[in-house]
PDB file of N, CA and C in Angstrom:
ATOM      1  N   MET A   1      36.190  47.419-151.584  1.00  0.00           N
ATOM      2  CA  MET A   1      37.596  47.697-150.959  1.00  0.00           C
ATOM      3  C   MET A   1      37.108  47.763-149.463  1.00  0.00           C
ATOM      4  N   ALA A   2      37.916  46.956-148.687  1.00  0.00           N
ATOM      5  CA  ALA A   2      37.437  47.118-146.964  1.00  0.00           C
ATOM      6  C   ALA A   2      38.312  48.350-146.620  1.00  0.00           C
ATOM      7  N   MET A   3      37.782  48.902-145.365  1.00  0.00           N
ATOM      8  CA  MET A   3      38.472  49.773-144.673  1.00  0.00           C
ATOM      9  C   MET A   3      39.606  49.195-143.780  1.00  0.00           C
ATOM     10  N   VAL A   4      40.444  49.947-143.775  1.00  0.00           N
ATOM     11  CA  VAL A   4      41.477  49.329-142.524  1.00  0.00           C
ATOM     12  C   VAL A   4      41.666  50.614-141.702  1.00  0.00           C
ATOM     13  N   GLN A   5      41.579  50.217-140.640  1.00  0.00           N
ATOM     14  CA  GLN A   5      41.770  51.321-139.385  1.00  0.00           C
ATOM     15  C   GLN A   5      42.741  50.760-138.339  1.00  0.00           C
ATOM     16  N   TYR A   6      43.754  51.965-138.109  1.00  0.00           N
ATOM     17  CA  TYR A   6      44.861  51.702-137.118  1.00  0.00           C
ATOM     18  C   TYR A   6      44.681  52.827-135.910  1.00  0.00           C
ATOM     19  N   GLU A   7      45.273  52.156-134.893  1.00  0.00           N
ATOM     20  CA  GLU A   7      45.119  53.397-133.861  1.00  0.00           C
ATOM     21  C   GLU A   7      46.525  53.474-133.312  1.00  0.00           C
ATOM     22  N   LEU A   8      47.139  54.605-133.511  1.00  0.00           N
ATOM     23  CA  LEU A   8      48.533  55.164-133.425  1.00  0.00           C
ATOM     24  C   LEU A   8      49.020  55.748-131.919  1.00  0.00           C
ATOM     25  N   LYS A   9      49.466  54.863-131.393  1.00  0.00           N
ATOM     26  CA  LYS A   9      49.734  55.797-130.072  1.00  0.00           C
ATOM     27  C   LYS A   9      51.519  56.537-129.928  1.00  0.00           C
ATOM     28  N   PRO A  10      51.182  57.671-129.334  1.00  0.00           N
ATOM     29  CA  PRO A  10      52.513  58.495-129.592  1.00  0.00           C
ATOM     30  C   PRO A  10      53.699  57.886-129.191  1.00  0.00           C
ATOM     31  N   GLY A  11      54.631  57.857-130.111  1.00  0.00           N
ATOM     32  CA  GLY A  11      55.764  57.398-129.965  1.00  0.00           C
ATOM     33  C   GLY A  11      56.045  55.856-130.685  1.00  0.00           C
ATOM     34  N   THR A  12      54.780  55.191-131.350  1.00  0.00           N
ATOM     35  CA  THR A  12      54.656  54.359-131.920  1.00  0.00           C
ATOM     36  C   THR A  12      55.510  54.376-133.401  1.00  0.00           C
ATOM     37  N   LYS A  13      56.183  53.312-133.943  1.00  0.00           N
ATOM     38  CA  LYS A  13      56.821  53.290-135.064  1.00  0.00           C
ATOM     39  C   LYS A  13      56.099  52.516-136.209  1.00  0.00           C
ATOM     40  N   LEU A  14      55.659  53.098-137.300  1.00  0.00           N
ATOM     41  CA  LEU A  14      54.982  52.075-138.125  1.00  0.00           C
ATOM     42  C   LEU A  14      55.884  51.329-138.812  1.00  0.00           C
ATOM     43  N   THR A  15      55.277  50.116-139.305  1.00  0.00           N
ATOM     44  CA  THR A  15      56.095  48.823-139.704  1.00  0.00           C
ATOM     45  C   THR A  15      56.575  49.335-141.438  1.00  0.00           C
ATOM     46  N   LYS A  16      57.353  48.735-141.927  1.00  0.00           N
ATOM     47  CA  LYS A  16      57.303  48.669-143.392  1.00  0.00           C
ATOM     48  C   LYS A  16      56.279  48.417-144.075  1.00  0.00           C
ATOM     49  N   GLU A  17      55.695  47.430-143.632  1.00  0.00           N
ATOM     50  CA  GLU A  17      53.951  46.960-144.346  1.00  0.00           C
ATOM     51  C   GLU A  17      53.125  48.242-144.082  1.00  0.00           C
ATOM     52  N   GLN A  18      53.109  48.705-143.058  1.00  0.00           N
ATOM     53  CA  GLN A  18      52.220  49.646-142.756  1.00  0.00           C
ATOM     54  C   GLN A  18      52.572  51.097-143.448  1.00  0.00           C
ATOM     55  N   ILE A  19      53.838  51.500-143.703  1.00  0.00           N
ATOM     56  CA  ILE A  19      54.303  52.499-144.478  1.00  0.00           C
ATOM     57  C   ILE A  19      54.158  52.296-145.932  1.00  0.00           C
ATOM     58  N   ALA A  20      54.433  50.979-146.584  1.00  0.00           N
ATOM     59  CA  ALA A  20      53.987  50.970-147.914  1.00  0.00           C
ATOM     60  C   ALA A  20      52.484  50.873-148.144  1.00  0.00           C
ATOM     61  N   GLU A  21      51.566  50.409-147.295  1.00  0.00           N
ATOM     62  CA  GLU A  21      50.140  50.597-147.451  1.00  0.00           C
ATOM     63  C   GLU A  21      49.738  51.847-147.300  1.00  0.00           C
ATOM     64  N   LEU A  22      50.465  52.679-146.690  1.00  0.00           N
ATOM     65  CA  LEU A  22      49.859  54.060-146.694  1.00  0.00           C
ATOM     66  C   LEU A  22      50.710  54.836-148.129  1.00  0.00           C
ATOM     67  N   GLU A  23      51.672  54.525-148.532  1.00  0.00           N
ATOM     68  CA  GLU A  23      52.035  55.001-149.643  1.00  0.00           C
ATOM     69  C   GLU A  23      51.137  54.600-150.863  1.00  0.00           C
ATOM     70  N   ALA A  24      50.638  53.238-150.947  1.00  0.00           N
ATOM     71  CA  ALA A  24      49.779  52.722-151.831  1.00  0.00           C
ATOM     72  C   ALA A  24      48.495  53.463-151.870  1.00  0.00           C
ATOM     73  N   ALA A  25      48.073  53.902-150.497  1.00  0.00           N
ATOM     74  CA  ALA A  25      46.754  54.570-150.252  1.00  0.00           C
ATOM     75  C   ALA A  25      46.652  55.913-150.768  1.00  0.00           C
ATOM     76  N   ALA A  26      47.726  56.650-151.031  1.00  0.00           N
ATOM     77  CA  ALA A  26      48.056  57.908-151.160  1.00  0.00           C
ATOM     78  C   ALA A  26      48.237  58.171-152.721  1.00  0.00           C
ATOM     79  N   LYS A  27      48.425  56.939-153.502  1.00  0.00           N
ATOM     80  CA  LYS A  27      48.319  56.840-154.959  1.00  0.00           C
ATOM     81  C   LYS A  27      47.026  56.793-155.401  1.00  0.00           C
ATOM     82  N   MET A  28      46.189  56.108-154.647  1.00  0.00           N
ATOM     83  CA  MET A  28      44.690  55.658-155.086  1.00  0.00           C
ATOM     84  C   MET A  28      43.923  57.114-155.616  1.00  0.00           C
ATOM     85  N   PRO A  29      42.934  56.954-156.283  1.00  0.00           N
ATOM     86  CA  PRO A  29      42.100  58.115-156.790  1.00  0.00           C
ATOM     87  C   PRO A  29      41.120  58.550-155.821  1.00  0.00           C
ATOM     88  N   ILE A  30      40.790  59.426-155.656  1.00  0.00           N
ATOM     89  CA  ILE A  30      39.795  59.757-154.434  1.00  0.00           C
ATOM     90  C   ILE A  30      38.276  59.334-155.306  1.00  0.00           C
ATOM     91  N   THR A  31      37.505  58.502-154.324  1.00  0.00           N
ATOM     92  CA  THR A  31      36.399  58.262-155.133  1.00  0.00           C
ATOM     93  C   THR A  31      34.751  59.005-154.106  1.00  0.00           C
ATOM     94  N   TYR A  32      34.166  59.633-154.995  1.00  0.00           N
ATOM     95  CA  TYR A  32      33.020  60.368-154.241  1.00  0.00           C
ATOM     96  C   TYR A  32      31.959  59.493-154.295  1.00  0.00           C
ATOM     97  N   ASP A  33      30.785  59.813-153.317  1.00  0.00           N
ATOM     98  CA  ASP A  33      29.638  59.204-153.253  1.00  0.00           C
ATOM     99  C   ASP A  33      28.657  60.099-152.812  1.00  0.00           C
ATOM    100  N   GLU A  34      27.538  59.309-152.407  1.00  0.00           N
ATOM    101  CA  GLU A  34      26.103  60.258-151.882  1.00  0.00           C
ATOM    102  C   GLU A  34      26.729  60.432-150.400  1.00  0.00           C
ATOM    103  N   ASP A  35      27.493  59.833-149.628  1.00  0.00           N
ATOM    104  CA  ASP A  35      27.795  60.224-148.261  1.00  0.00           C
ATOM    105  C   ASP A  35      28.916  61.116-148.265  1.00  0.00           C
ATOM    106  N   SER A  36      29.714  61.169-149.320  1.00  0.00           N
ATOM    107  CA  SER A  36      30.842  61.968-149.285  1.00  0.00           C
ATOM    108  C   SER A  36      31.057  62.555-150.862  1.00  0.00           C
ATOM    109  N   PRO A  37      29.950  63.531-150.938  1.00  0.00           N
ATOM    110  CA  PRO A  37      30.276  64.066-152.386  1.00  0.00           C
ATOM    111  C   PRO A  37      31.413  65.011-152.543  1.00  0.00           C
ATOM    112  N   GLU A  38      31.923  65.767-153.792  1.00  0.00           N
ATOM    113  CA  GLU A  38      32.808  66.381-154.290  1.00  0.00           C
ATOM    114  C   GLU A  38      32.308  67.704-153.817  1.00  0.00           C
ATOM    115  N   PHE A  39      33.213  68.486-153.154  1.00  0.00           N
ATOM    116  CA  PHE A  39      32.849  69.923-152.639  1.00  0.00           C
ATOM    117  C   PHE A  39      32.603  70.755-153.936  1.00  0.00           C
ATOM    118  N   THR A  40      31.831  71.884-154.097  1.00  0.00           N
ATOM    119  CA  THR A  40      31.395  72.545-154.621  1.00  0.00           C
ATOM    120  C   THR A  40      32.296  73.830-154.934  1.00  0.00           C
ATOM    121  N   ASP A  41      32.522  74.526-156.004  1.00  0.00           N
ATOM    122  CA  ASP A  41      33.172  75.898-155.871  1.00  0.00           C
ATOM    123  C   ASP A  41      32.746  76.707-154.748  1.00  0.00           C
ATOM    124  N   GLU A  42      31.467  76.936-154.349  1.00  0.00           N
ATOM    125  CA  GLU A  42      30.601  77.574-153.373  1.00  0.00           C
ATOM    126  C   GLU A  42      31.204  77.085-152.158  1.00  0.00           C
ATOM    127  N   GLN A  43      31.162  75.885-151.798  1.00  0.00           N
ATOM    128  CA  GLN A  43      31.534  75.301-150.653  1.00  0.00           C
ATOM    129  C   GLN A  43      33.114  75.556-150.209  1.00  0.00           C
ATOM    130  N   TYR A  44      34.007  75.428-151.262  1.00  0.00           N
ATOM    131  CA  TYR A  44      35.173  76.021-151.014  1.00  0.00           C
ATOM    132  C   TYR A  44      35.458  77.202-150.649  1.00  0.00           C
ATOM    133  N   ALA A  45      34.580  78.027-151.512  1.00  0.00           N
ATOM    134  CA  ALA A  45      34.817  79.628-150.833  1.00  0.00           C
ATOM    135  C   ALA A  45      34.300  79.845-149.628  1.00  0.00           C
ATOM    136  N   GLU A  46      33.194  79.216-149.195  1.00  0.00           N
ATOM    137  CA  GLU A  46      32.877  79.270-147.666  1.00  0.00           C
ATOM    138  C   GLU A  46      33.988  78.728-146.605  1.00  0.00           C
ATOM    139  N   PHE A  47      34.512  77.759-146.999  1.00  0.00           N
ATOM    140  CA  PHE A  47      35.503  77.011-146.100  1.00  0.00           C
ATOM    141  C   PHE A  47      36.695  78.090-146.132  1.00  0.00           C
ATOM    142  N   ALA A  48      37.034  78.724-147.288  1.00  0.00           N
ATOM    143  CA  ALA A  48      38.079  79.628-147.409  1.00  0.00           C
ATOM    144  C   ALA A  48      37.891  80.910-146.423  1.00  0.00           C
ATOM    145  N   ILE A  49      36.600  81.534-146.224  1.00  0.00           N
ATOM    146  CA  ILE A  49      36.055  82.431-145.396  1.00  0.00           C
ATOM    147  C   ILE A  49      36.402  82.002-144.040  1.00  0.00           C
ATOM    148  N   ILE A  50      35.775  80.795-143.502  1.00  0.00           N
ATOM    149  CA  ILE A  50      35.935  80.445-142.206  1.00  0.00           C
ATOM    150  C   ILE A  50      37.514  80.460-141.918  1.00  0.00           C
ATOM    151  N   ALA A  51      38.323  79.836-142.643  1.00  0.00           N
ATOM    152  CA  ALA A  51      39.541  79.518-142.436  1.00  0.00           C
ATOM    153  C   ALA A  51      40.233  80.814-142.124  1.00  0.00           C
ATOM    154  N   ARG A  52      39.968  81.977-143.020  1.00  0.00           N
ATOM    155  CA  ARG A  52      40.648  83.067-142.906  1.00  0.00           C
ATOM    156  C   ARG A  52      40.006  83.555-141.292  1.00  0.00           C
ATOM    157  N   GLN A  53      38.911  83.624-141.093  1.00  0.00           N
ATOM    158  CA  GLN A  53      38.383  84.150-139.923  1.00  0.00           C
ATOM    159  C   GLN A  53      39.160  83.381-138.686  1.00  0.00           C
ATOM    160  N   GLN A  54      39.088  81.963-138.801  1.00  0.00           N
ATOM    161  CA  GLN A  54      39.630  81.277-137.673  1.00  0.00           C
ATOM    162  C   GLN A  54      41.204  81.795-137.310  1.00  0.00           C
ATOM    163  N   ARG A  55      42.046  81.889-138.453  1.00  0.00           N
ATOM    164  CA  ARG A  55      43.255  82.154-138.727  1.00  0.00           C
ATOM    165  C   ARG A  55      43.487  83.873-137.942  1.00  0.00           C
ATOM    166  N   ALA A  56      42.461  84.573-138.111  1.00  0.00           N
ATOM    167  CA  ALA A  56      42.340  86.027-137.579  1.00  0.00           C
ATOM    168  C   ALA A  56      42.068  85.842-136.085  1.00  0.00           C
ATOM    169  N   ASP A  57      41.169  85.013-135.640  1.00  0.00           N
ATOM    170  CA  ASP A  57      40.950  84.765-134.405  1.00  0.00           C
ATOM    171  C   ASP A  57      42.218  84.041-133.325  1.00  0.00           C
ATOM    172  N   ARG A  58      43.161  83.438-134.002  1.00  0.00           N
ATOM    173  CA  ARG A  58      44.187  82.472-133.668  1.00  0.00           C
ATOM    174  C   ARG A  58      45.018  83.712-133.637  1.00  0.00           C
ATOM    175  N   ARG A  59      45.487  84.408-134.269  1.00  0.00           N
ATOM    176  CA  ARG A  59      46.634  85.593-134.548  1.00  0.00           C
ATOM    177  C   ARG A  59      47.020  86.284-133.074  1.00  0.00           C
ATOM    178  N   ARG A  60      48.192  86.242-132.945  1.00  0.00           N
ATOM    179  CA  ARG A  60      48.662  86.604-131.625  1.00  0.00           C
ATOM    180  C   ARG A  60      49.197  87.721-131.815  1.00  0.00           C
ATOM    181  N   GLY A  61      49.554  88.998-130.991  1.00  0.00           N
ATOM    182  CA  GLY A  61      50.186  89.942-130.852  1.00  0.00           C
ATOM    183  C   GLY A  61      51.475  89.955-130.532  1.00  0.00           C
ATOM    184  N   VAL A  62      52.460  90.793-130.903  1.00  0.00           N
ATOM    185  CA  VAL A  62      53.734  90.647-130.470  1.00  0.00           C
ATOM    186  C   VAL A  62      53.934  91.825-129.471  1.00  0.00           C
ATOM    187  N   VAL A  63      54.743  91.506-128.281  1.00  0.00           N
ATOM    188  CA  VAL A  63      54.823  92.341-127.423  1.00  0.00           C
ATOM    189  C   VAL A  63      56.397  92.243-126.878  1.00  0.00           C
ATOM    190  N   SER A  64      56.783  93.495-126.547  1.00  0.00           N
ATOM    191  CA  SER A  64      58.388  93.208-126.251  1.00  0.00           C
ATOM    192  C   SER A  64      58.082  93.544-124.609  1.00  0.00           C
ATOM    193  N   LEU A  65      59.152  92.570-123.910  1.00  0.00           N
ATOM    194  CA  LEU A  65      58.852  92.315-122.397  1.00  0.00           C
ATOM    195  C   LEU A  65      60.205  92.480-121.877  1.00  0.00           C
ATOM    196  N   ARG A  66      60.456  92.996-120.894  1.00  0.00           N
ATOM    197  CA  ARG A  66      61.434  93.044-120.008  1.00  0.00           C
ATOM    198  C   ARG A  66      61.370  91.858-118.841  1.00  0.00           C
ATOM    199  N   LEU A  67      62.462  91.208-118.796  1.00  0.00           N
ATOM    200  CA  LEU A  67      62.214  90.128-117.660  1.00  0.00           C
ATOM    201  C   LEU A  67      63.517  90.363-116.668  1.00  0.00           C
ATOM    202  N   GLY A  68      63.570  90.118-115.480  1.00  0.00           N
ATOM    203  CA  GLY A  68      65.068  89.970-114.539  1.00  0.00           C
ATOM    204  C   GLY A  68      65.548  88.783-115.172  1.00  0.00           C
ATOM    205  N   ALA A  69      67.092  88.884-114.975  1.00  0.00           N
ATOM    206  CA  ALA A  69      68.081  88.206-115.394  1.00  0.00           C
ATOM    207  C   ALA A  69      67.690  86.815-114.736  1.00  0.00           C
ATOM    208  N   ALA A  70      67.402  86.738-113.595  1.00  0.00           N
ATOM    209  CA  ALA A  70      67.054  85.129-112.842  1.00  0.00           C
ATOM    210  C   ALA A  70      65.873  84.592-113.452  1.00  0.00           C
ATOM    211  N   THR A  71      64.736  85.310-113.693  1.00  0.00           N
ATOM    212  CA  THR A  71      63.797  84.947-114.329  1.00  0.00           C
ATOM    213  C   THR A  71      63.722  84.367-115.821  1.00  0.00           C
ATOM    214  N   LEU A  72      64.550  85.322-116.493  1.00  0.00           N
ATOM    215  CA  LEU A  72      64.898  84.989-117.697  1.00  0.00           C
ATOM    216  C   LEU A  72      65.579  83.297-117.958  1.00  0.00           C
ATOM    217  N   GLU A  73      66.415  83.598-117.154  1.00  0.00           N
ATOM    218  CA  GLU A  73      67.499  82.219-116.928  1.00  0.00           C
ATOM    219  C   GLU A  73      66.538  80.792-116.657  1.00  0.00           C
ATOM    220  N   LYS A  74      65.489  81.273-115.620  1.00  0.00           N
ATOM    221  CA  LYS A  74      64.539  80.101-115.464  1.00  0.00           C
ATOM    222  C   LYS A  74      63.929  79.976-116.627  1.00  0.00           C
ATOM    223  N   ALA A  75      63.327  80.617-117.259  1.00  0.00           N
ATOM    224  CA  ALA A  75      62.483  80.199-118.382  1.00  0.00           C
ATOM    225  C   ALA A  75      63.207  79.685-119.721  1.00  0.00           C
ATOM    226  N   LYS A  76      64.426  80.142-119.669  1.00  0.00           N
ATOM    227  CA  LYS A  76      65.095  79.493-120.819  1.00  0.00           C
ATOM    228  C   LYS A  76      65.518  77.909-120.418  1.00  0.00           C
ATOM    229  N   LYS A  77      65.458  77.807-119.101  1.00  0.00           N
ATOM    230  CA  LYS A  77      65.691  76.350-118.865  1.00  0.00           C
ATOM    231  C   LYS A  77      64.657  75.382-118.793  1.00  0.00           C
ATOM    232  N   LEU A  78      63.738  76.157-119.380  1.00  0.00           N
ATOM    233  CA  LEU A  78      62.377  75.267-119.569  1.00  0.00           C
ATOM    234  C   LEU A  78      62.587  74.603-121.278  1.00  0.00           C
ATOM    235  N   GLY A  79      63.548  74.744-121.784  1.00  0.00           N
ATOM    236  CA  GLY A  79      63.648  74.370-123.144  1.00  0.00           C
ATOM    237  C   GLY A  79      63.039  75.313-124.144  1.00  0.00           C
ATOM    238  N   ALA A  80      63.393  74.662-125.494  1.00  0.00           N
ATOM    239  CA  ALA A  80      62.598  75.032-126.810  1.00  0.00           C
ATOM    240  C   ALA A  80      61.257  75.371-126.531  1.00  0.00           C
ATOM    241  N   GLY A  81      60.671  76.739-127.050  1.00  0.00           N
ATOM    242  CA  GLY A  81      59.246  76.658-126.703  1.00  0.00           C
ATOM    243  C   GLY A  81      59.059  77.652-125.298  1.00  0.00           C
ATOM    244  N   TYR A  82      60.153  77.983-124.818  1.00  0.00           N
ATOM    245  CA  TYR A  82      59.747  78.576-123.763  1.00  0.00           C
ATOM    246  C   TYR A  82      59.070  79.911-123.603  1.00  0.00           C
ATOM    247  N   THR A  83      59.080  80.575-124.926  1.00  0.00           N
ATOM    248  CA  THR A  83      58.155  81.870-125.097  1.00  0.00           C
ATOM    249  C   THR A  83      56.718  81.420-125.033  1.00  0.00           C
ATOM    250  N   SER A  84      56.379  80.339-125.690  1.00  0.00           N
ATOM    251  CA  SER A  84      54.882  79.882-125.799  1.00  0.00           C
ATOM    252  C   SER A  84      54.393  79.439-124.353  1.00  0.00           C
ATOM    253  N   ILE A  85      55.538  79.061-123.459  1.00  0.00           N
ATOM    254  CA  ILE A  85      55.062  78.467-122.108  1.00  0.00           C
ATOM    255  C   ILE A  85      54.831  79.780-121.316  1.00  0.00           C
ATOM    256  N   LEU A  86      55.814  80.903-121.596  1.00  0.00           N
ATOM    257  CA  LEU A  86      55.658  82.223-120.991  1.00  0.00           C
ATOM    258  C   LEU A  86      54.241  82.598-121.546  1.00  0.00           C
ATOM    259  N   SER A  87      53.732  82.856-122.606  1.00  0.00           N
ATOM    260  CA  SER A  87      52.377  83.296-123.120  1.00  0.00           C
ATOM    261  C   SER A  87      51.382  82.714-122.582  1.00  0.00           C
ATOM    262  N   ARG A  88      51.503  81.282-122.289  1.00  0.00           N
ATOM    263  CA  ARG A  88      50.421  80.740-121.412  1.00  0.00           C
ATOM    264  C   ARG A  88      50.119  81.008-120.265  1.00  0.00           C
ATOM    265  N   MET A  89      51.522  81.172-119.541  1.00  0.00           N
ATOM    266  CA  MET A  89      51.365  81.703-118.065  1.00  0.00           C
ATOM    267  C   MET A  89      50.696  83.095-117.857  1.00  0.00           C
ATOM    268  N   ILE A  90      51.325  83.939-118.979  1.00  0.00           N
ATOM    269  CA  ILE A  90      50.250  85.492-118.678  1.00  0.00           C
ATOM    270  C   ILE A  90      48.894  85.106-119.100  1.00  0.00           C
ATOM    271  N   ASP A  91      48.619  84.060-120.279  1.00  0.00           N
ATOM    272  CA  ASP A  91      46.998  84.112-120.111  1.00  0.00           C
ATOM    273  C   ASP A  91      46.432  83.402-118.787  1.00  0.00           C
ATOM    274  N   LEU A  92      46.920  82.371-118.198  1.00  0.00           N
ATOM    275  CA  LEU A  92      46.490  81.981-117.139  1.00  0.00           C
ATOM    276  C   LEU A  92      46.143  83.192-116.007  1.00  0.00           C
ATOM    277  N   CYS A  93      47.120  83.837-115.808  1.00  0.00           N
ATOM    278  CA  CYS A  93      47.305  84.761-114.661  1.00  0.00           C
ATOM    279  C   CYS A  93      46.155  85.751-115.152  1.00  0.00           C
ATOM    280  N   ILE A  94      46.293  86.360-116.522  1.00  0.00           N
ATOM    281  CA  ILE A  94      45.307  87.518-116.637  1.00  0.00           C
ATOM    282  C   ILE A  94      43.882  87.158-116.622  1.00  0.00           C
ATOM    283  N   ASN A  95      43.503  85.663-116.538  1.00  0.00           N
ATOM    284  CA  ASN A  95      42.219  85.149-116.280  1.00  0.00           C
ATOM    285  C   ASN A  95      41.873  84.730-115.114  1.00  0.00           C
ATOM    286  N   ASP A  96      42.988  84.839-113.939  1.00  0.00           N
ATOM    287  CA  ASP A  96      42.625  84.480-112.515  1.00  0.00           C
ATOM    288  C   ASP A  96      42.712  85.869-111.998  1.00  0.00           C
ATOM    289  N   LYS A  97      41.575  86.200-111.420  1.00  0.00           N
ATOM    290  CA  LYS A  97      41.467  87.500-110.622  1.00  0.00           C
ATOM    291  C   LYS A  97      42.288  87.446-109.507  1.00  0.00           C
ATOM    292  N   GLU A  98      42.392  86.414-108.523  1.00  0.00           N
ATOM    293  CA  GLU A  98      43.274  86.225-107.533  1.00  0.00           C
ATOM    294  C   GLU A  98      44.554  86.191-107.520  1.00  0.00           C
ATOM    295  N   LEU A  99      45.174  85.526-108.652  1.00  0.00           N
ATOM    296  CA  LEU A  99      46.612  85.709-109.120  1.00  0.00           C
ATOM    297  C   LEU A  99      47.079  87.063-109.659  1.00  0.00           C
ATOM    298  N   LEU A 100      45.850  87.585-110.492  1.00  0.00           N
ATOM    299  CA  LEU A 100      46.288  88.710-110.910  1.00  0.00           C
ATOM    300  C   LEU A 100      46.302  89.925-109.964  1.00  0.00           C
ATOM    301  N   ARG A 101      45.509  89.917-109.078  1.00  0.00           N
ATOM    302  CA  ARG A 101      45.584  90.610-107.838  1.00  0.00           C
ATOM    303  C   ARG A 101      46.894  90.738-106.996  1.00  0.00           C
ATOM    304  N   LYS A 102      47.275  89.490-106.731  1.00  0.00           N
ATOM    305  CA  LYS A 102      48.668  89.305-106.272  1.00  0.00           C
ATOM    306  C   LYS A 102      49.859  89.983-107.294  1.00  0.00           C
ATOM    307  N   CYS A 103      49.602  90.103-108.432  1.00  0.00           N
ATOM    308  CA  CYS A 103      50.641  90.625-109.011  1.00  0.00           C
ATOM    309  C   CYS A 103      50.563  92.074-109.354  1.00  0.00           C
ATOM    310  N   LEU A 104      49.381  92.744-108.960  1.00  0.00           N
ATOM    311  CA  LEU A 104      49.342  93.998-108.937  1.00  0.00           C
ATOM    312  C   LEU A 104      50.157  94.739-108.027  1.00  0.00           C
TER     313      LEU A 104
END
């Protein structure tokens, strides 16, 4: 079987033919070989340990923060996900010594 490769660009819609091809591929059995052997139970266990550690490293703390009315209004105008934007702004500030000094 030949390998088919597509490069999808953001916003590109798949054709009906491409969707049908993907659905057919999803129904095909997985074939293991020497280049791509099946994982052992031990390997799955190792991956589970690594995944748990990565989730713990990415875990974010919850903080209650009071913002001025004008600041909150501007933040909300950023749209959905504005709290994530505020979080990234705080991360940038806390890691920038000059900016942090200005805020103290």
